[in-house]
């Protein structure tokens, strides 16, 4: 027979997930874990890019928000496709795109100098900057 409510000492006030975590002793790393930024180039158009790991949709939104606030970019329109999403925008006067799918996550720029500047800025961020 299922209980109709949790006992008062179940820790529900801390949230249902916290209650389950305590009960089953589940542990995980908070947030997304380490974010890796690697310079590269897109295979299609050859634009200089930054390959991003992990390929997490939550990181896509957080990174886009960071770029909008840091470089005074109006929030671009995000387009969903079959296995991910992308958006095109201008950053520091240069065309740029942010793209994520099931296998890759990248941010590409029409000019290498812009890619290098953004990459340097991202690498200076604290380790857990994009965590919840």
C-alpha atoms as a PDB file:
ATOM      1  CA  UNK A   1       0.000   0.000   0.000  1.00  0.00           C
ATOM      2  CA  UNK A   2       1.314   3.430  -0.984  1.00  0.00           C
ATOM      3  CA  UNK A   3       1.523   6.198   1.599  1.00  0.00           C
ATOM      4  CA  UNK A   4      -0.759   9.119   0.816  1.00  0.00           C
ATOM      5  CA  UNK A   5       1.748  11.656   2.103  1.00  0.00           C
ATOM      6  CA  UNK A   6       5.366  11.792   3.168  1.00  0.00           C
ATOM      7  CA  UNK A   7       6.193  11.640   6.853  1.00  0.00           C
ATOM      8  CA  UNK A   8       6.930  15.019   8.409  1.00  0.00           C
ATOM      9  CA  UNK A   9      10.602  14.114   8.925  1.00  0.00           C
ATOM     10  CA  UNK A  10      11.182  13.230   5.264  1.00  0.00           C
ATOM     11  CA  UNK A  11      12.852  16.540   4.511  1.00  0.00           C
ATOM     12  CA  UNK A  12      10.234  17.591   1.980  1.00  0.00           C
ATOM     13  CA  UNK A  13      10.722  21.231   2.910  1.00  0.00           C
ATOM     14  CA  UNK A  14      14.115  21.052   1.201  1.00  0.00           C
ATOM     15  CA  UNK A  15      12.420  19.886  -1.988  1.00  0.00           C
ATOM     16  CA  UNK A  16      11.354  16.532  -3.385  1.00  0.00           C
ATOM     17  CA  UNK A  17      14.674  15.907  -5.117  1.00  0.00           C
ATOM     18  CA  UNK A  18      16.643  16.549  -1.940  1.00  0.00           C
ATOM     19  CA  UNK A  19      14.428  14.058  -0.132  1.00  0.00           C
ATOM     20  CA  UNK A  20      15.141  11.371  -2.743  1.00  0.00           C
ATOM     21  CA  UNK A  21      18.846  12.139  -2.720  1.00  0.00           C
ATOM     22  CA  UNK A  22      19.070  11.653   1.031  1.00  0.00           C
ATOM     23  CA  UNK A  23      17.017   8.478   0.907  1.00  0.00           C
ATOM     24  CA  UNK A  24      19.009   6.793  -1.875  1.00  0.00           C
ATOM     25  CA  UNK A  25      22.353   8.462  -1.110  1.00  0.00           C
ATOM     26  CA  UNK A  26      22.722   9.750  -4.677  1.00  0.00           C
ATOM     27  CA  UNK A  27      25.685  12.050  -5.340  1.00  0.00           C
ATOM     28  CA  UNK A  28      26.535  14.098  -8.376  1.00  0.00           C
ATOM     29  CA  UNK A  29      28.543  17.117  -9.384  1.00  0.00           C
ATOM     30  CA  UNK A  30      26.454  20.263  -9.196  1.00  0.00           C
ATOM     31  CA  UNK A  31      25.785  21.978 -12.521  1.00  0.00           C
ATOM     32  CA  UNK A  32      27.482  21.017 -15.738  1.00  0.00           C
ATOM     33  CA  UNK A  33      30.930  20.126 -14.509  1.00  0.00           C
ATOM     34  CA  UNK A  34      34.019  21.467 -16.266  1.00  0.00           C
ATOM     35  CA  UNK A  35      33.459  23.373 -19.483  1.00  0.00           C
ATOM     36  CA  UNK A  36      36.179  22.960 -22.123  1.00  0.00           C
ATOM     37  CA  UNK A  37      36.808  25.612 -24.802  1.00  0.00           C
ATOM     38  CA  UNK A  38      38.886  24.461 -27.803  1.00  0.00           C
ATOM     39  CA  UNK A  39      39.776  26.598 -30.836  1.00  0.00           C
ATOM     40  CA  UNK A  40      39.140  25.110 -34.250  1.00  0.00           C
ATOM     41  CA  UNK A  41      37.442  25.723 -37.577  1.00  0.00           C
ATOM     42  CA  UNK A  42      34.125  24.633 -39.037  1.00  0.00           C
ATOM     43  CA  UNK A  43      34.423  22.087 -41.831  1.00  0.00           C
ATOM     44  CA  UNK A  44      31.705  23.613 -44.037  1.00  0.00           C
ATOM     45  CA  UNK A  45      32.540  27.304 -44.378  1.00  0.00           C
ATOM     46  CA  UNK A  46      35.920  27.231 -42.611  1.00  0.00           C
ATOM     47  CA  UNK A  47      34.933  29.867 -40.057  1.00  0.00           C
ATOM     48  CA  UNK A  48      37.163  29.976 -36.972  1.00  0.00           C
ATOM     49  CA  UNK A  49      35.229  28.441 -34.095  1.00  0.00           C
ATOM     50  CA  UNK A  50      35.290  27.411 -30.476  1.00  0.00           C
ATOM     51  CA  UNK A  51      34.361  23.771 -29.833  1.00  0.00           C
ATOM     52  CA  UNK A  52      32.533  23.500 -26.512  1.00  0.00           C
ATOM     53  CA  UNK A  53      32.199  20.519 -24.175  1.00  0.00           C
ATOM     54  CA  UNK A  54      29.836  19.369 -22.689  1.00  0.00           C
ATOM     55  CA  UNK A  55      27.136  19.398 -25.348  1.00  0.00           C
ATOM     56  CA  UNK A  56      24.432  20.553 -22.927  1.00  0.00           C
ATOM     57  CA  UNK A  57      21.368  22.560 -23.981  1.00  0.00           C
ATOM     58  CA  UNK A  58      21.396  24.332 -20.602  1.00  0.00           C
ATOM     59  CA  UNK A  59      24.918  25.561 -21.340  1.00  0.00           C
ATOM     60  CA  UNK A  60      23.713  26.886 -24.734  1.00  0.00           C
ATOM     61  CA  UNK A  61      21.227  29.189 -22.977  1.00  0.00           C
ATOM     62  CA  UNK A  62      23.707  30.248 -20.284  1.00  0.00           C
ATOM     63  CA  UNK A  63      26.446  30.990 -22.812  1.00  0.00           C
ATOM     64  CA  UNK A  64      24.081  33.001 -24.993  1.00  0.00           C
ATOM     65  CA  UNK A  65      22.985  35.033 -21.965  1.00  0.00           C
ATOM     66  CA  UNK A  66      26.627  35.610 -21.013  1.00  0.00           C
ATOM     67  CA  UNK A  67      27.487  36.821 -24.530  1.00  0.00           C
ATOM     68  CA  UNK A  68      24.459  39.131 -24.602  1.00  0.00           C
ATOM     69  CA  UNK A  69      25.374  40.740 -21.287  1.00  0.00           C
ATOM     70  CA  UNK A  70      29.149  40.866 -21.771  1.00  0.00           C
ATOM     71  CA  UNK A  71      29.252  42.160 -25.348  1.00  0.00           C
ATOM     72  CA  UNK A  72      25.967  44.112 -25.355  1.00  0.00           C
ATOM     73  CA  UNK A  73      24.418  41.841 -27.996  1.00  0.00           C
ATOM     74  CA  UNK A  74      20.641  41.896 -28.307  1.00  0.00           C
ATOM     75  CA  UNK A  75      19.321  38.404 -27.499  1.00  0.00           C
ATOM     76  CA  UNK A  76      19.120  36.632 -30.873  1.00  0.00           C
ATOM     77  CA  UNK A  77      16.273  34.437 -32.038  1.00  0.00           C
ATOM     78  CA  UNK A  78      16.974  30.765 -31.330  1.00  0.00           C
ATOM     79  CA  UNK A  79      15.966  28.342 -34.072  1.00  0.00           C
ATOM     80  CA  UNK A  80      15.301  24.714 -33.193  1.00  0.00           C
ATOM     81  CA  UNK A  81      16.112  21.946 -35.639  1.00  0.00           C
ATOM     82  CA  UNK A  82      15.720  18.171 -35.579  1.00  0.00           C
ATOM     83  CA  UNK A  83      18.512  17.429 -33.094  1.00  0.00           C
ATOM     84  CA  UNK A  84      19.444  20.771 -31.556  1.00  0.00           C
ATOM     85  CA  UNK A  85      19.290  24.522 -31.967  1.00  0.00           C
ATOM     86  CA  UNK A  86      21.260  27.450 -33.337  1.00  0.00           C
ATOM     87  CA  UNK A  87      21.249  31.230 -33.485  1.00  0.00           C
ATOM     88  CA  UNK A  88      22.993  33.785 -35.661  1.00  0.00           C
ATOM     89  CA  UNK A  89      24.049  37.175 -34.312  1.00  0.00           C
ATOM     90  CA  UNK A  90      26.684  39.898 -34.597  1.00  0.00           C
ATOM     91  CA  UNK A  91      29.353  40.141 -31.930  1.00  0.00           C
ATOM     92  CA  UNK A  92      31.958  42.928 -31.925  1.00  0.00           C
ATOM     93  CA  UNK A  93      30.801  43.873 -35.434  1.00  0.00           C
ATOM     94  CA  UNK A  94      31.383  40.372 -36.832  1.00  0.00           C
ATOM     95  CA  UNK A  95      28.890  37.681 -37.892  1.00  0.00           C
ATOM     96  CA  UNK A  96      28.738  34.816 -35.424  1.00  0.00           C
ATOM     97  CA  UNK A  97      26.728  31.654 -34.844  1.00  0.00           C
ATOM     98  CA  UNK A  98      26.117  29.403 -31.860  1.00  0.00           C
ATOM     99  CA  UNK A  99      25.088  25.839 -32.723  1.00  0.00           C
ATOM    100  CA  UNK A 100      24.385  22.715 -30.684  1.00  0.00           C
ATOM    101  CA  UNK A 101      23.176  19.282 -31.713  1.00  0.00           C
ATOM    102  CA  UNK A 102      23.458  15.764 -30.336  1.00  0.00           C
ATOM    103  CA  UNK A 103      27.157  15.469 -31.244  1.00  0.00           C
ATOM    104  CA  UNK A 104      28.733  18.927 -31.349  1.00  0.00           C
ATOM    105  CA  UNK A 105      28.531  22.318 -29.714  1.00  0.00           C
ATOM    106  CA  UNK A 106      30.296  25.253 -31.351  1.00  0.00           C
ATOM    107  CA  UNK A 107      30.464  29.010 -31.590  1.00  0.00           C
ATOM    108  CA  UNK A 108      31.866  30.296 -34.887  1.00  0.00           C
ATOM    109  CA  UNK A 109      32.938  33.731 -36.084  1.00  0.00           C
ATOM    110  CA  UNK A 110      33.616  35.238 -39.494  1.00  0.00           C
ATOM    111  CA  UNK A 111      36.982  36.550 -38.247  1.00  0.00           C
ATOM    112  CA  UNK A 112      39.702  34.714 -36.336  1.00  0.00           C
ATOM    113  CA  UNK A 113      40.619  37.755 -34.208  1.00  0.00           C
ATOM    114  CA  UNK A 114      37.082  37.866 -32.793  1.00  0.00           C
ATOM    115  CA  UNK A 115      37.165  34.142 -32.043  1.00  0.00           C
ATOM    116  CA  UNK A 116      40.499  34.548 -30.255  1.00  0.00           C
ATOM    117  CA  UNK A 117      39.248  37.468 -28.153  1.00  0.00           C
ATOM    118  CA  UNK A 118      36.064  35.648 -27.080  1.00  0.00           C
ATOM    119  CA  UNK A 119      38.044  32.459 -26.395  1.00  0.00           C
ATOM    120  CA  UNK A 120      40.499  34.357 -24.185  1.00  0.00           C
ATOM    121  CA  UNK A 121      37.612  35.979 -22.282  1.00  0.00           C
ATOM    122  CA  UNK A 122      35.851  32.632 -21.759  1.00  0.00           C
ATOM    123  CA  UNK A 123      39.015  30.973 -20.476  1.00  0.00           C
ATOM    124  CA  UNK A 124      39.359  33.701 -17.825  1.00  0.00           C
ATOM    125  CA  UNK A 125      35.944  32.917 -16.306  1.00  0.00           C
ATOM    126  CA  UNK A 126      35.882  31.092 -12.963  1.00  0.00           C
ATOM    127  CA  UNK A 127      35.637  27.305 -13.173  1.00  0.00           C
ATOM    128  CA  UNK A 128      32.008  27.099 -11.992  1.00  0.00           C
ATOM    129  CA  UNK A 129      30.771  30.270 -13.734  1.00  0.00           C
ATOM    130  CA  UNK A 130      28.084  28.470 -15.764  1.00  0.00           C
ATOM    131  CA  UNK A 131      26.807  26.281 -12.909  1.00  0.00           C
ATOM    132  CA  UNK A 132      23.299  26.788 -11.537  1.00  0.00           C
END
